[in-house]
Every structure is written in structure tokens, then in C-alpha cells.
Amino acid sequence: MPRTPHLVAALAFGLFTALAHAQATPAGLWKTIDDETGKVKSLVRITESNGVYTGTLEKLLDPATPPDAVCEKCSDDRKGKPLVGMTLIKGVHTLDGDKDTWGGGEILDPNNGKTYKVRLTPADGGKRLNVRGYIGLPLLGRTQTWIRVE
């Protein structure tokens, strides 16, 4: 007699494990929370292509920010461009020797137009993402905790 319940349980566990691991990456849709005010600001979608992660502002959620807002303070090619659809995170990849932290890229703060080095660290089983923007060393920066939407 075949052991179908055991096979089904093993397959279900394997699928659950694979999904849990997939959720522990920065890829997904994230609700951004301002670390200074605690207010929800936007939705950012982080995608992966060939091991490189990019984050695009998908939707503005802060009622104080007009839906057609542009990056007035940006000093690069994003100056005067709409915030929605703008690439905020680029060039991020898994850090050598650390499978739980991504970095090596940059993040734009559209409030001041400055770019910073960035480090992304999933937390709480991938339900949260610690986003650390910094200059020089990671100790010299600030962290926002984003919440996974999908």
C-alpha cells in the first residue's frame, strides 16, 4: 500500500520551505514607512534580474504628497521627473559571504534628492525589510523598516 499521506506531507513541506525562502529576499512589493515620522509613504516594488535588485516607486500613499509629484531636489537625470515610476534603488546584489544581506548599490531619497549606499536585510521571516541608507560605512546612516505587501 503506497504511503500517499507521507508523500503529500513531504511535498507540502518542501513547497512551504521554498516559498519561505523566496520571501526572505528583498524582491516583492513593500510599504515604506518614514523612520522619522512613522507615516506610511509609498509602495516600492523591488525586482531581481540576473542577481541584481532594482526598486521602483509604484504608488504614493502619503496624502500630503500630490499624486503627480516630481523630484525637484534630484541632481541627476531624475530631476523634474515624476516620483511614481522612478527607480529609487539600483545595483543591489547579495553581499559576498552573506546570504541574508543585499547591498553594493544605491538608494535615492526623493525628499532631499541625495543618493546613498544601501543595505537591505529581510527580517521577521521576510515580512519586513530593513533598508539602511548610509554614507561611507553602514554605521553612518539610518534605517527604515518596510512592510511586505506581496
Protein backbone atom coordinates (compact mmCIF):
# COMPACT_ATOMS: atom_id res chain seq x y z
CA MET A 1 0.00 0.00 0.00
CA PRO A 2 1.56 3.38 -1.01
CA ARG A 3 2.27 5.97 1.64
CA THR A 4 0.46 8.80 -0.10
CA PRO A 5 -0.17 10.93 3.03
CA HIS A 6 3.57 10.96 3.79
CA LEU A 7 4.42 11.89 0.21
CA VAL A 8 1.84 14.68 0.20
CA ALA A 9 3.13 15.98 3.53
CA ALA A 10 6.73 15.91 2.29
CA LEU A 11 5.80 17.77 -0.90
CA ALA A 12 3.78 20.34 1.04
CA PHE A 13 6.67 20.91 3.45
CA GLY A 14 9.09 21.30 0.53
CA LEU A 15 6.80 23.82 -1.15
CA PHE A 16 6.34 25.74 2.11
CA THR A 17 10.11 25.83 2.66
CA ALA A 18 10.73 27.06 -0.90
CA LEU A 19 8.09 29.79 -0.51
CA ALA A 20 9.50 30.86 2.86
CA HIS A 21 12.99 31.12 1.37
CA ALA A 22 11.67 33.09 -1.60
CA GLN A 23 10.02 35.53 0.81
CA ALA A 24 13.33 36.13 2.61
CA THR A 25 14.70 38.10 -0.34
CA PRO A 26 14.18 41.80 -0.99
CA ALA A 27 12.11 41.04 -4.12
CA GLY A 28 8.45 41.99 -3.72
CA LEU A 29 6.12 44.90 -3.07
CA TRP A 30 6.90 46.93 0.06
CA LYS A 31 5.04 49.57 2.03
CA THR A 32 7.59 52.21 3.01
CA ILE A 33 7.43 53.71 6.50
CA ASP A 34 9.22 57.00 7.24
CA ASP A 35 11.69 56.37 10.07
CA GLU A 36 11.32 59.92 11.43
CA THR A 37 7.53 60.34 11.34
CA GLY A 38 6.32 56.71 11.33
CA LYS A 39 3.97 57.58 8.45
CA VAL A 40 3.29 55.31 5.50
CA LYS A 41 4.82 56.96 2.44
CA SER A 42 4.62 54.77 -0.64
CA LEU A 43 4.72 51.36 -2.27
CA VAL A 44 8.06 50.28 -3.75
CA ARG A 45 8.41 47.20 -5.92
CA ILE A 46 11.80 45.51 -5.79
CA THR A 47 12.58 43.18 -8.67
CA GLU A 48 15.54 40.92 -9.42
CA SER A 49 17.22 40.40 -12.78
CA ASN A 50 20.38 38.31 -13.11
CA GLY A 51 21.10 38.66 -9.38
CA VAL A 52 20.74 42.46 -9.36
CA TYR A 53 17.87 44.11 -7.48
CA THR A 54 16.11 47.32 -8.51
CA GLY A 55 13.39 49.20 -6.62
CA THR A 56 10.76 51.34 -8.34
CA LEU A 57 8.26 53.64 -6.64
CA GLU A 58 4.90 52.20 -7.64
CA LYS A 59 2.41 54.30 -5.69
CA LEU A 60 2.37 57.30 -3.35
CA LEU A 61 0.33 56.70 -0.18
CA ASP A 62 1.03 59.86 1.84
CA PRO A 63 -1.96 62.21 1.38
CA ALA A 64 0.41 65.17 1.85
CA THR A 65 2.26 64.22 -1.37
CA PRO A 66 0.44 65.06 -4.61
CA PRO A 67 -0.01 62.02 -6.90
CA ASP A 68 1.80 63.87 -9.71
CA ALA A 69 4.79 64.92 -7.53
CA VAL A 70 8.18 65.20 -9.22
CA CYS A 71 11.71 65.00 -7.82
CA GLU A 72 12.56 68.68 -7.57
CA LYS A 73 15.71 68.15 -5.48
CA CYS A 74 17.25 65.38 -7.60
CA SER A 75 20.55 66.39 -9.13
CA ASP A 76 20.82 63.66 -11.76
CA ASP A 77 18.68 62.65 -14.74
CA ARG A 78 15.69 62.14 -12.39
CA LYS A 79 15.36 65.88 -11.71
CA GLY A 80 11.85 67.06 -12.54
CA LYS A 81 10.67 63.50 -13.29
CA PRO A 82 7.53 62.00 -11.69
CA LEU A 83 8.13 60.11 -8.45
CA VAL A 84 5.71 57.36 -9.47
CA GLY A 85 7.66 55.03 -11.73
CA MET A 86 11.02 56.38 -10.59
CA THR A 87 13.89 53.98 -9.84
CA LEU A 88 14.84 54.55 -6.20
CA ILE A 89 17.08 51.51 -5.63
CA LYS A 90 19.60 50.21 -8.14
CA GLY A 91 22.63 47.96 -8.39
CA VAL A 92 21.89 45.89 -5.27
CA HIS A 93 23.16 42.30 -5.07
CA THR A 94 23.90 39.62 -2.49
CA LEU A 95 26.94 40.61 -0.45
CA ASP A 96 29.86 38.18 -0.64
CA GLY A 97 29.71 35.62 2.13
CA ASP A 98 26.35 36.89 3.46
CA LYS A 99 23.26 35.23 2.01
CA ASP A 100 20.91 37.28 4.20
CA THR A 101 22.05 40.81 3.29
CA TRP A 102 21.98 42.64 -0.01
CA GLY A 103 23.97 45.77 -0.82
CA GLY A 104 26.52 47.24 -3.18
CA GLY A 105 24.01 49.56 -4.77
CA GLU A 106 22.39 52.88 -4.03
CA ILE A 107 19.10 54.36 -2.90
CA LEU A 108 17.63 57.76 -3.70
CA ASP A 109 15.89 59.83 -1.05
CA PRO A 110 13.49 61.89 -3.16
CA ASN A 111 12.85 64.24 -0.22
CA ASN A 112 16.37 65.67 -0.45
CA GLY A 113 17.46 64.40 -3.88
CA LYS A 114 20.54 62.65 -2.47
CA THR A 115 21.70 59.12 -3.16
CA TYR A 116 23.18 56.87 -0.52
CA LYS A 117 24.78 53.45 -0.38
CA VAL A 118 22.15 50.92 0.61
CA ARG A 119 21.94 47.68 2.54
CA LEU A 120 18.77 45.53 2.50
CA THR A 121 18.17 42.95 5.23
CA PRO A 122 14.96 40.92 5.38
CA ALA A 123 13.55 40.42 8.89
CA ASP A 124 10.67 38.60 10.54
CA GLY A 125 10.81 35.72 8.04
CA GLY A 126 10.74 38.12 5.09
CA LYS A 127 7.67 40.05 6.26
CA ARG A 128 9.79 43.15 6.90
CA LEU A 129 12.77 44.68 5.15
CA ASN A 130 15.35 46.79 6.95
CA VAL A 131 16.53 49.39 4.44
CA ARG A 132 19.70 51.16 5.55
CA GLY A 133 20.90 54.19 3.62
CA TYR A 134 24.36 55.43 4.51
CA ILE A 135 27.43 57.41 3.51
CA GLY A 136 30.80 55.69 3.85
CA LEU A 137 30.23 53.00 6.48
CA PRO A 138 26.85 51.41 7.33
CA LEU A 139 27.28 52.78 10.88
CA LEU A 140 26.84 56.28 9.44
CA GLY A 141 23.28 56.13 8.23
CA ARG A 142 19.68 55.48 9.07
CA THR A 143 17.33 52.55 8.72
CA GLN A 144 13.72 52.34 7.64
CA THR A 145 11.70 49.17 8.15
CA TRP A 146 9.41 48.43 5.22
CA ILE A 147 6.48 46.02 5.37
CA ARG A 148 5.88 43.36 2.72
CA VAL A 149 2.61 43.78 0.82
CA GLU A 150 3.20 40.88 -1.57
